Every structure is written in C-alpha cells, then in structure tokens.
Amino acid sequence: MAKEHYFDISAKLDMMEFKNALEQAKKEVLTRFDFKGITAEIELNEKTKTLSLSSSSDQKIDALKDILISKLIKREISSKSLKELKTEGISGGNVKVIYKVVDSIEGDEAKKIVKAIKELKLKVTPSIQGDEVRVSGAKLDDLQKVIAEVKTLDLNAPLAFGNFR
C-alpha cells in the first residue's frame, strides 16, 4: 500500500516579524523629511488584530502605507496580510485608516480553495480543518501540482504551505 502524503494550506502570520516590520516603519517615518512636524502614527492593537495609520492627509496615509508594506515585504510578509476596514476623519483635520490583520483563511476562501483543487481532477483529497485546508494524496507530484495551482488563485489571505509529509 502506498504511503499517504499531505500538506496544510494556512494563513499563519509570524506576529514577531510583523511587529519588527512595524518598528522599522516607525523608525523610517521619524527620519523622513516629508514627515517632519506632521502627525504620523502607526499603531497595532493585538487584541482586536487591527492596525491603524493616522496622518494629516490622504497622501501622507498613502506614503505611510507604502513604507509599511515595503518593510513587510522585506521581512517576507505578504501585503495581503492587511485588509482595509475603514477610513475616518479624526480631530485636527487628520485622517485615520484602520486595517484588519489577516492571519487565517476565512470559510468562503477555504471553500474556494477546495473547489479549485477538486477541479484539477487529481487523486488528492482536500478537507477543511478549522482555519486550514489539508490536502492528502498518494503521489507527491500531485500534491506539488495542487500547490502550484493554489498559488495562482486570487485570494485575500496570505497563504502558507506547511507540514509537507
């Protein structure tokens, strides 16, 4: 009997690396000339898994986001780990943008992944286990084809592939 192989698809986020990227972004904002004398804040709320950027204008918010995303990418964290929730005006004419930190695969996206895997018509079995999708099969080549296909899907979650056995 052939040995059963499997791997897990998840959206795990290394929070330590995420915090390090935030600290690097804050340091860069302090040294940038275009942010001198202007309110520019990056705040993480770990309990609610939200990140807020606040500054004096929409252009400064965009610059803050660009700085943050560049720091995330340098630390190998996908920019898909941030999902914009809302933009609001705060006191003093400043603007605040709140992002949700995405660190799990939602049910709809898990179903979309399973559907795409089944459409490949390979001898693999995808199953949803909480906020992960486990794919098992007898052939390693089939599992690698599944990984290649899932990487091409347009999903909101930053995918990670692990436990490949």
C-alpha atoms as a PDB file:
ATOM      1  CA  MET A   1       0.000   0.000   0.000  1.00  0.00           C
ATOM      2  CA  ALA A   2       1.323   3.434  -0.955  1.00  0.00           C
ATOM      3  CA  LYS A   3       2.107   5.854   1.832  1.00  0.00           C
ATOM      4  CA  GLU A   4      -0.322   8.744   2.196  1.00  0.00           C
ATOM      5  CA  HIS A   5       1.316  12.196   1.892  1.00  0.00           C
ATOM      6  CA  TYR A   6      -0.239  15.508   2.909  1.00  0.00           C
ATOM      7  CA  PHE A   7       0.309  19.219   3.443  1.00  0.00           C
ATOM      8  CA  ASP A   8      -1.592  22.073   5.050  1.00  0.00           C
ATOM      9  CA  ILE A   9      -2.618  25.374   3.492  1.00  0.00           C
ATOM     10  CA  SER A  10      -2.934  28.110   6.106  1.00  0.00           C
ATOM     11  CA  ALA A  11      -2.600  31.860   6.505  1.00  0.00           C
ATOM     12  CA  LYS A  12      -0.385  31.914   9.552  1.00  0.00           C
ATOM     13  CA  LEU A  13       1.283  35.225  10.278  1.00  0.00           C
ATOM     14  CA  ASP A  14       4.541  35.489  12.211  1.00  0.00           C
ATOM     15  CA  MET A  15       3.494  38.234  14.629  1.00  0.00           C
ATOM     16  CA  MET A  16       7.064  38.823  15.832  1.00  0.00           C
ATOM     17  CA  GLU A  17       8.227  39.561  12.277  1.00  0.00           C
ATOM     18  CA  PHE A  18       5.095  41.691  11.764  1.00  0.00           C
ATOM     19  CA  LYS A  19       5.902  43.764  14.871  1.00  0.00           C
ATOM     20  CA  ASN A  20       9.522  44.116  13.761  1.00  0.00           C
ATOM     21  CA  ALA A  21       8.350  45.453  10.394  1.00  0.00           C
ATOM     22  CA  LEU A  22       6.092  47.950  12.210  1.00  0.00           C
ATOM     23  CA  GLU A  23       9.005  49.155  14.342  1.00  0.00           C
ATOM     24  CA  GLN A  24      11.206  49.580  11.271  1.00  0.00           C
ATOM     25  CA  ALA A  25       8.441  51.560   9.546  1.00  0.00           C
ATOM     26  CA  LYS A  26       8.064  53.821  12.600  1.00  0.00           C
ATOM     27  CA  LYS A  27      11.813  54.481  12.638  1.00  0.00           C
ATOM     28  CA  GLU A  28      11.823  55.349   8.942  1.00  0.00           C
ATOM     29  CA  VAL A  29       8.906  57.771   9.403  1.00  0.00           C
ATOM     30  CA  LEU A  30      10.854  59.563  12.154  1.00  0.00           C
ATOM     31  CA  THR A  31      13.838  60.096   9.833  1.00  0.00           C
ATOM     32  CA  ARG A  32      11.938  61.086   6.676  1.00  0.00           C
ATOM     33  CA  PHE A  33      11.980  64.768   5.766  1.00  0.00           C
ATOM     34  CA  ASP A  34       8.428  64.759   4.367  1.00  0.00           C
ATOM     35  CA  PHE A  35       7.056  63.720   7.797  1.00  0.00           C
ATOM     36  CA  LYS A  36       8.870  66.408   9.860  1.00  0.00           C
ATOM     37  CA  GLY A  37       6.417  68.274  12.085  1.00  0.00           C
ATOM     38  CA  ILE A  38       3.435  66.228  10.882  1.00  0.00           C
ATOM     39  CA  THR A  39       1.347  63.737  12.792  1.00  0.00           C
ATOM     40  CA  ALA A  40       2.208  60.259  11.524  1.00  0.00           C
ATOM     41  CA  GLU A  41       1.283  57.291  13.705  1.00  0.00           C
ATOM     42  CA  ILE A  42       1.295  53.524  13.227  1.00  0.00           C
ATOM     43  CA  GLU A  43      -0.498  51.624  15.994  1.00  0.00           C
ATOM     44  CA  LEU A  44      -1.178  47.889  16.382  1.00  0.00           C
ATOM     45  CA  ASN A  45      -3.970  46.560  18.580  1.00  0.00           C
ATOM     46  CA  GLU A  46      -3.145  42.892  19.129  1.00  0.00           C
ATOM     47  CA  LYS A  47      -6.400  42.012  20.906  1.00  0.00           C
ATOM     48  CA  THR A  48      -8.639  43.126  18.046  1.00  0.00           C
ATOM     49  CA  LYS A  49      -5.990  42.351  15.388  1.00  0.00           C
ATOM     50  CA  THR A  50      -6.242  45.806  13.866  1.00  0.00           C
ATOM     51  CA  LEU A  51      -3.630  48.262  12.658  1.00  0.00           C
ATOM     52  CA  SER A  52      -4.299  51.986  12.388  1.00  0.00           C
ATOM     53  CA  LEU A  53      -2.399  54.586  10.391  1.00  0.00           C
ATOM     54  CA  SER A  54      -3.083  58.246  11.086  1.00  0.00           C
ATOM     55  CA  SER A  55      -1.658  61.360   9.485  1.00  0.00           C
ATOM     56  CA  SER A  56      -2.534  64.831   8.243  1.00  0.00           C
ATOM     57  CA  SER A  57      -3.754  63.928   4.732  1.00  0.00           C
ATOM     58  CA  ASP A  58      -4.626  61.095   2.366  1.00  0.00           C
ATOM     59  CA  GLN A  59      -1.286  61.496   0.597  1.00  0.00           C
ATOM     60  CA  LYS A  60       0.605  61.063   3.872  1.00  0.00           C
ATOM     61  CA  ILE A  61      -1.507  57.988   4.684  1.00  0.00           C
ATOM     62  CA  ASP A  62      -0.578  56.520   1.296  1.00  0.00           C
ATOM     63  CA  ALA A  63       3.108  57.246   1.992  1.00  0.00           C
ATOM     64  CA  LEU A  64       2.804  55.602   5.425  1.00  0.00           C
ATOM     65  CA  LYS A  65       1.192  52.539   3.866  1.00  0.00           C
ATOM     66  CA  ASP A  66       3.940  52.339   1.214  1.00  0.00           C
ATOM     67  CA  ILE A  67       6.623  52.480   3.910  1.00  0.00           C
ATOM     68  CA  LEU A  68       4.848  49.808   5.953  1.00  0.00           C
ATOM     69  CA  ILE A  69       4.307  47.466   3.009  1.00  0.00           C
ATOM     70  CA  SER A  70       7.943  47.785   1.930  1.00  0.00           C
ATOM     71  CA  LYS A  71       9.039  46.786   5.445  1.00  0.00           C
ATOM     72  CA  LEU A  72       6.590  43.845   5.472  1.00  0.00           C
ATOM     73  CA  ILE A  73       7.857  42.589   2.116  1.00  0.00           C
ATOM     74  CA  LYS A  74      11.485  42.813   3.271  1.00  0.00           C
ATOM     75  CA  ARG A  75      10.523  40.533   6.149  1.00  0.00           C
ATOM     76  CA  GLU A  76       8.756  38.119   3.755  1.00  0.00           C
ATOM     77  CA  ILE A  77       5.248  39.005   4.944  1.00  0.00           C
ATOM     78  CA  SER A  78       2.621  39.354   2.231  1.00  0.00           C
ATOM     79  CA  SER A  79       0.903  42.692   1.729  1.00  0.00           C
ATOM     80  CA  LYS A  80      -2.324  40.660   1.704  1.00  0.00           C
ATOM     81  CA  SER A  81      -1.966  40.373   5.480  1.00  0.00           C
ATOM     82  CA  LEU A  82      -3.572  43.846   5.698  1.00  0.00           C
ATOM     83  CA  LYS A  83      -7.203  44.396   4.714  1.00  0.00           C
ATOM     84  CA  GLU A  84      -8.584  47.945   4.820  1.00  0.00           C
ATOM     85  CA  LEU A  85     -11.669  48.241   7.002  1.00  0.00           C
ATOM     86  CA  LYS A  86     -12.471  51.963   7.107  1.00  0.00           C
ATOM     87  CA  THR A  87     -11.171  55.494   6.683  1.00  0.00           C
ATOM     88  CA  GLU A  88     -12.298  58.205   9.048  1.00  0.00           C
ATOM     89  CA  GLY A  89     -11.554  61.811   9.852  1.00  0.00           C
ATOM     90  CA  ILE A  90     -10.179  62.482  13.330  1.00  0.00           C
ATOM     91  CA  SER A  91      -9.555  65.683  15.314  1.00  0.00           C
ATOM     92  CA  GLY A  92      -7.399  68.432  13.859  1.00  0.00           C
ATOM     93  CA  GLY A  93      -8.240  67.579  10.247  1.00  0.00           C
ATOM     94  CA  ASN A  94      -6.210  64.372  10.417  1.00  0.00           C
ATOM     95  CA  VAL A  95      -7.142  61.125   8.661  1.00  0.00           C
ATOM     96  CA  LYS A  96      -7.122  57.639  10.181  1.00  0.00           C
ATOM     97  CA  VAL A  97      -7.229  54.363   8.246  1.00  0.00           C
ATOM     98  CA  ILE A  98      -7.927  51.098  10.062  1.00  0.00           C
ATOM     99  CA  TYR A  99      -6.721  47.760   8.698  1.00  0.00           C
ATOM    100  CA  LYS A 100      -7.583  44.239   9.781  1.00  0.00           C
ATOM    101  CA  VAL A 101      -4.565  41.962  10.239  1.00  0.00           C
ATOM    102  CA  VAL A 102      -5.398  38.815   8.228  1.00  0.00           C
ATOM    103  CA  ASP A 103      -3.936  35.714   9.843  1.00  0.00           C
ATOM    104  CA  SER A 104      -6.420  32.983   8.936  1.00  0.00           C
ATOM    105  CA  ILE A 105      -8.288  31.624   5.950  1.00  0.00           C
ATOM    106  CA  GLU A 106     -11.985  32.526   6.052  1.00  0.00           C
ATOM    107  CA  GLY A 107     -14.634  29.901   5.320  1.00  0.00           C
ATOM    108  CA  ASP A 108     -15.513  31.234   1.848  1.00  0.00           C
ATOM    109  CA  GLU A 109     -11.886  31.244   0.761  1.00  0.00           C
ATOM    110  CA  ALA A 110     -11.341  27.742   2.145  1.00  0.00           C
ATOM    111  CA  LYS A 111     -14.308  26.539   0.070  1.00  0.00           C
ATOM    112  CA  LYS A 112     -12.875  28.299  -2.988  1.00  0.00           C
ATOM    113  CA  ILE A 113      -9.527  26.519  -2.459  1.00  0.00           C
ATOM    114  CA  VAL A 114     -11.212  23.111  -2.072  1.00  0.00           C
ATOM    115  CA  LYS A 115     -13.309  23.711  -5.202  1.00  0.00           C
ATOM    116  CA  ALA A 116     -10.227  24.669  -7.252  1.00  0.00           C
ATOM    117  CA  ILE A 117      -8.384  21.555  -6.044  1.00  0.00           C
ATOM    118  CA  LYS A 118     -11.295  19.283  -6.962  1.00  0.00           C
ATOM    119  CA  GLU A 119     -11.477  20.847 -10.439  1.00  0.00           C
ATOM    120  CA  LEU A 120      -7.907  19.654 -11.076  1.00  0.00           C
ATOM    121  CA  LYS A 121      -9.252  16.073 -11.074  1.00  0.00           C
ATOM    122  CA  LEU A 122      -6.133  14.706  -9.373  1.00  0.00           C
ATOM    123  CA  LYS A 123      -6.183  11.848  -6.886  1.00  0.00           C
ATOM    124  CA  VAL A 124      -5.966  14.103  -3.841  1.00  0.00           C
ATOM    125  CA  THR A 125      -8.384  14.769  -1.008  1.00  0.00           C
ATOM    126  CA  PRO A 126      -8.810  18.350   0.268  1.00  0.00           C
ATOM    127  CA  SER A 127     -10.519  18.874   3.627  1.00  0.00           C
ATOM    128  CA  ILE A 128     -11.218  21.985   5.676  1.00  0.00           C
ATOM    129  CA  GLN A 129      -9.902  21.732   9.248  1.00  0.00           C
ATOM    130  CA  GLY A 130     -10.727  24.905  11.141  1.00  0.00           C
ATOM    131  CA  ASP A 131      -8.807  27.744   9.510  1.00  0.00           C
ATOM    132  CA  GLU A 132      -6.608  25.380   7.470  1.00  0.00           C
ATOM    133  CA  VAL A 133      -7.088  23.229   4.398  1.00  0.00           C
ATOM    134  CA  ARG A 134      -5.376  19.822   4.480  1.00  0.00           C
ATOM    135  CA  VAL A 135      -4.644  18.148   1.164  1.00  0.00           C
ATOM    136  CA  SER A 136      -3.675  14.473   1.143  1.00  0.00           C
ATOM    137  CA  GLY A 137      -2.751  12.114  -1.657  1.00  0.00           C
ATOM    138  CA  ALA A 138      -0.548   9.160  -2.565  1.00  0.00           C
ATOM    139  CA  LYS A 139       1.672  10.931  -5.133  1.00  0.00           C
ATOM    140  CA  LEU A 140       3.983  13.813  -4.211  1.00  0.00           C
ATOM    141  CA  ASP A 141       3.786  15.094  -7.803  1.00  0.00           C
ATOM    142  CA  ASP A 142       0.018  15.542  -7.478  1.00  0.00           C
ATOM    143  CA  LEU A 143       0.465  17.487  -4.239  1.00  0.00           C
ATOM    144  CA  GLN A 144       3.030  19.752  -5.900  1.00  0.00           C
ATOM    145  CA  LYS A 145       0.604  20.403  -8.777  1.00  0.00           C
ATOM    146  CA  VAL A 146      -2.014  21.377  -6.192  1.00  0.00           C
ATOM    147  CA  ILE A 147       0.401  23.853  -4.545  1.00  0.00           C
ATOM    148  CA  ALA A 148       1.218  25.397  -7.929  1.00  0.00           C
ATOM    149  CA  GLU A 149      -2.500  25.766  -8.742  1.00  0.00           C
ATOM    150  CA  VAL A 150      -3.447  27.231  -5.343  1.00  0.00           C
ATOM    151  CA  LYS A 151      -0.674  29.846  -5.674  1.00  0.00           C
ATOM    152  CA  THR A 152      -2.345  31.129  -8.860  1.00  0.00           C
ATOM    153  CA  LEU A 153      -5.714  31.727  -7.133  1.00  0.00           C
ATOM    154  CA  ASP A 154      -6.680  35.319  -6.357  1.00  0.00           C
ATOM    155  CA  LEU A 155      -7.340  35.130  -2.621  1.00  0.00           C
ATOM    156  CA  ASN A 156      -7.411  37.768   0.120  1.00  0.00           C
ATOM    157  CA  ALA A 157      -5.416  35.701   2.620  1.00  0.00           C
ATOM    158  CA  PRO A 158      -1.614  35.398   2.527  1.00  0.00           C
ATOM    159  CA  LEU A 159      -1.194  31.635   2.034  1.00  0.00           C
ATOM    160  CA  ALA A 160       1.450  29.488   3.677  1.00  0.00           C
ATOM    161  CA  PHE A 161       2.107  25.855   2.839  1.00  0.00           C
ATOM    162  CA  GLY A 162       3.362  23.655   5.671  1.00  0.00           C
ATOM    163  CA  ASN A 163       3.580  20.154   7.149  1.00  0.00           C
ATOM    164  CA  PHE A 164       4.544  18.674   3.795  1.00  0.00           C
ATOM    165  CA  ARG A 165       4.924  14.959   4.582  1.00  0.00           C
END
